[in-house]
């Protein structure tokens, strides 16, 4: 099964630090407001998932979601969560650390598209 979303080692270290301070975490790929289109990290209980959200997978123990509309644009793309220096303009938990999560992407190969991890919708 081909994962739709992955995470770099550098990002996993940040996730570990954030989880230690905030408990269980969740990611949601923002749809363009605030910091463009960035992966946002929140305490799991602080972000409400609904039927308009699509679950893409789990990265380092954190569920990763995005809106249905945005998924339509990204469904042929493998996403990798990484970090970069610089302060983003979002409400994501890593912002006070002087870094921000970013997405690196590539199109799935034709072979990969036949073996993608299934998605699910919020409240399924």
Protein backbone atom coordinates (compact mmCIF):
# COMPACT_ATOMS: atom_id res chain seq x y z
CA UNK A 1 0.00 0.00 0.00
CA UNK A 2 1.44 3.37 -1.04
CA UNK A 3 1.15 6.09 1.60
CA UNK A 4 -0.42 9.37 0.49
CA UNK A 5 1.47 11.40 3.08
CA UNK A 6 4.93 10.93 4.60
CA UNK A 7 7.11 12.84 7.02
CA UNK A 8 10.84 13.65 7.17
CA UNK A 9 13.07 12.82 10.12
CA UNK A 10 13.47 16.53 10.88
CA UNK A 11 9.69 16.96 11.07
CA UNK A 12 9.29 13.88 13.30
CA UNK A 13 11.67 15.42 15.83
CA UNK A 14 9.51 18.55 15.93
CA UNK A 15 6.36 16.45 16.24
CA UNK A 16 7.90 14.63 19.22
CA UNK A 17 8.66 17.94 20.93
CA UNK A 18 5.19 19.34 20.24
CA UNK A 19 3.49 16.13 21.40
CA UNK A 20 5.46 16.23 24.65
CA UNK A 21 4.15 19.76 25.32
CA UNK A 22 0.63 19.46 23.91
CA UNK A 23 -0.43 15.81 24.00
CA UNK A 24 -1.95 14.04 20.97
CA UNK A 25 -1.71 16.03 17.72
CA UNK A 26 -3.53 16.30 14.41
CA UNK A 27 -2.50 17.79 11.05
CA UNK A 28 -4.77 19.58 8.62
CA UNK A 29 -3.56 20.83 5.26
CA UNK A 30 -4.71 24.43 5.09
CA UNK A 31 -6.55 25.60 2.03
CA UNK A 32 -4.77 28.85 1.37
CA UNK A 33 -5.77 31.28 4.08
CA UNK A 34 -3.15 32.59 6.53
CA UNK A 35 0.06 30.86 5.46
CA UNK A 36 -0.83 29.86 1.92
CA UNK A 37 -1.26 26.12 1.72
CA UNK A 38 0.60 24.73 4.71
CA UNK A 39 0.25 21.70 6.95
CA UNK A 40 -1.12 22.95 10.26
CA UNK A 41 -0.48 21.09 13.52
CA UNK A 42 -2.99 21.36 16.37
CA UNK A 43 -3.74 19.58 19.62
CA UNK A 44 -6.03 16.73 18.61
CA UNK A 45 -9.01 18.05 20.61
CA UNK A 46 -8.68 21.61 19.24
CA UNK A 47 -9.58 20.88 15.62
CA UNK A 48 -13.02 19.68 14.61
CA UNK A 49 -13.12 17.23 11.70
CA UNK A 50 -16.38 16.93 9.78
CA UNK A 51 -17.80 15.31 6.64
CA UNK A 52 -16.01 17.92 4.50
CA UNK A 53 -12.59 16.59 5.52
CA UNK A 54 -10.61 13.73 3.98
CA UNK A 55 -8.20 11.56 5.98
CA UNK A 56 -5.02 10.89 3.99
CA UNK A 57 -3.08 8.86 6.50
CA UNK A 58 -1.10 8.97 9.69
CA UNK A 59 2.34 10.56 10.07
CA UNK A 60 4.37 9.74 13.16
CA UNK A 61 1.24 9.00 15.19
CA UNK A 62 -0.77 12.00 13.93
CA UNK A 63 -3.78 11.81 11.63
CA UNK A 64 -3.44 13.99 8.52
CA UNK A 65 -6.56 15.61 7.01
CA UNK A 66 -7.50 18.09 4.30
CA UNK A 67 -10.75 19.46 2.92
CA UNK A 68 -12.58 17.50 0.19
CA UNK A 69 -12.29 20.40 -2.24
CA UNK A 70 -8.55 20.67 -1.78
CA UNK A 71 -8.15 16.89 -1.98
CA UNK A 72 -9.57 17.00 -5.50
CA UNK A 73 -6.52 19.05 -6.53
CA UNK A 74 -4.00 16.98 -4.57
CA UNK A 75 -5.35 13.43 -4.97
CA UNK A 76 -2.68 12.48 -7.53
CA UNK A 77 0.13 13.79 -5.34
CA UNK A 78 2.30 12.24 -2.65
CA UNK A 79 2.78 14.74 0.16
CA UNK A 80 5.81 14.87 2.45
CA UNK A 81 5.70 16.98 5.61
CA UNK A 82 9.00 18.72 6.33
CA UNK A 83 10.12 21.80 8.26
CA UNK A 84 11.86 24.98 7.28
CA UNK A 85 13.28 27.90 9.20
CA UNK A 86 11.16 30.99 9.36
CA UNK A 87 8.08 32.03 11.14
CA UNK A 88 4.81 31.27 9.40
CA UNK A 89 1.68 33.34 9.84
CA UNK A 90 -0.63 30.58 11.01
CA UNK A 91 -1.92 29.15 14.27
CA UNK A 92 0.07 25.94 13.90
CA UNK A 93 1.85 24.81 17.09
CA UNK A 94 5.42 24.99 15.73
CA UNK A 95 5.29 28.70 14.80
CA UNK A 96 6.67 29.99 18.15
CA UNK A 97 9.72 27.75 17.59
CA UNK A 98 10.82 29.90 14.62
CA UNK A 99 10.11 27.13 12.13
CA UNK A 100 7.12 25.97 10.14
CA UNK A 101 5.89 22.79 8.59
CA UNK A 102 5.91 22.73 4.79
CA UNK A 103 4.69 20.30 2.17
CA UNK A 104 6.90 18.84 -0.51
CA UNK A 105 5.02 17.03 -3.22
CA UNK A 106 5.40 14.86 -6.28
CA UNK A 107 2.92 13.16 -8.58
CA UNK A 108 2.27 9.49 -7.97
CA UNK A 109 3.59 7.22 -10.68
CA UNK A 110 1.06 5.30 -12.74
CA UNK A 111 2.02 2.12 -10.86
CA UNK A 112 1.63 3.79 -7.45
CA UNK A 113 -1.86 5.04 -8.32
CA UNK A 114 -3.08 1.43 -8.42
CA UNK A 115 -2.00 0.72 -4.83
CA UNK A 116 -2.79 3.92 -2.88
CA UNK A 117 -3.82 3.86 0.75
CA UNK A 118 -7.61 4.35 0.90
CA UNK A 119 -8.94 7.66 2.11
CA UNK A 120 -11.86 8.16 4.46
CA UNK A 121 -14.14 11.08 5.12
CA UNK A 122 -14.70 12.77 8.47
CA UNK A 123 -17.41 11.17 10.62
CA UNK A 124 -17.19 7.82 8.78
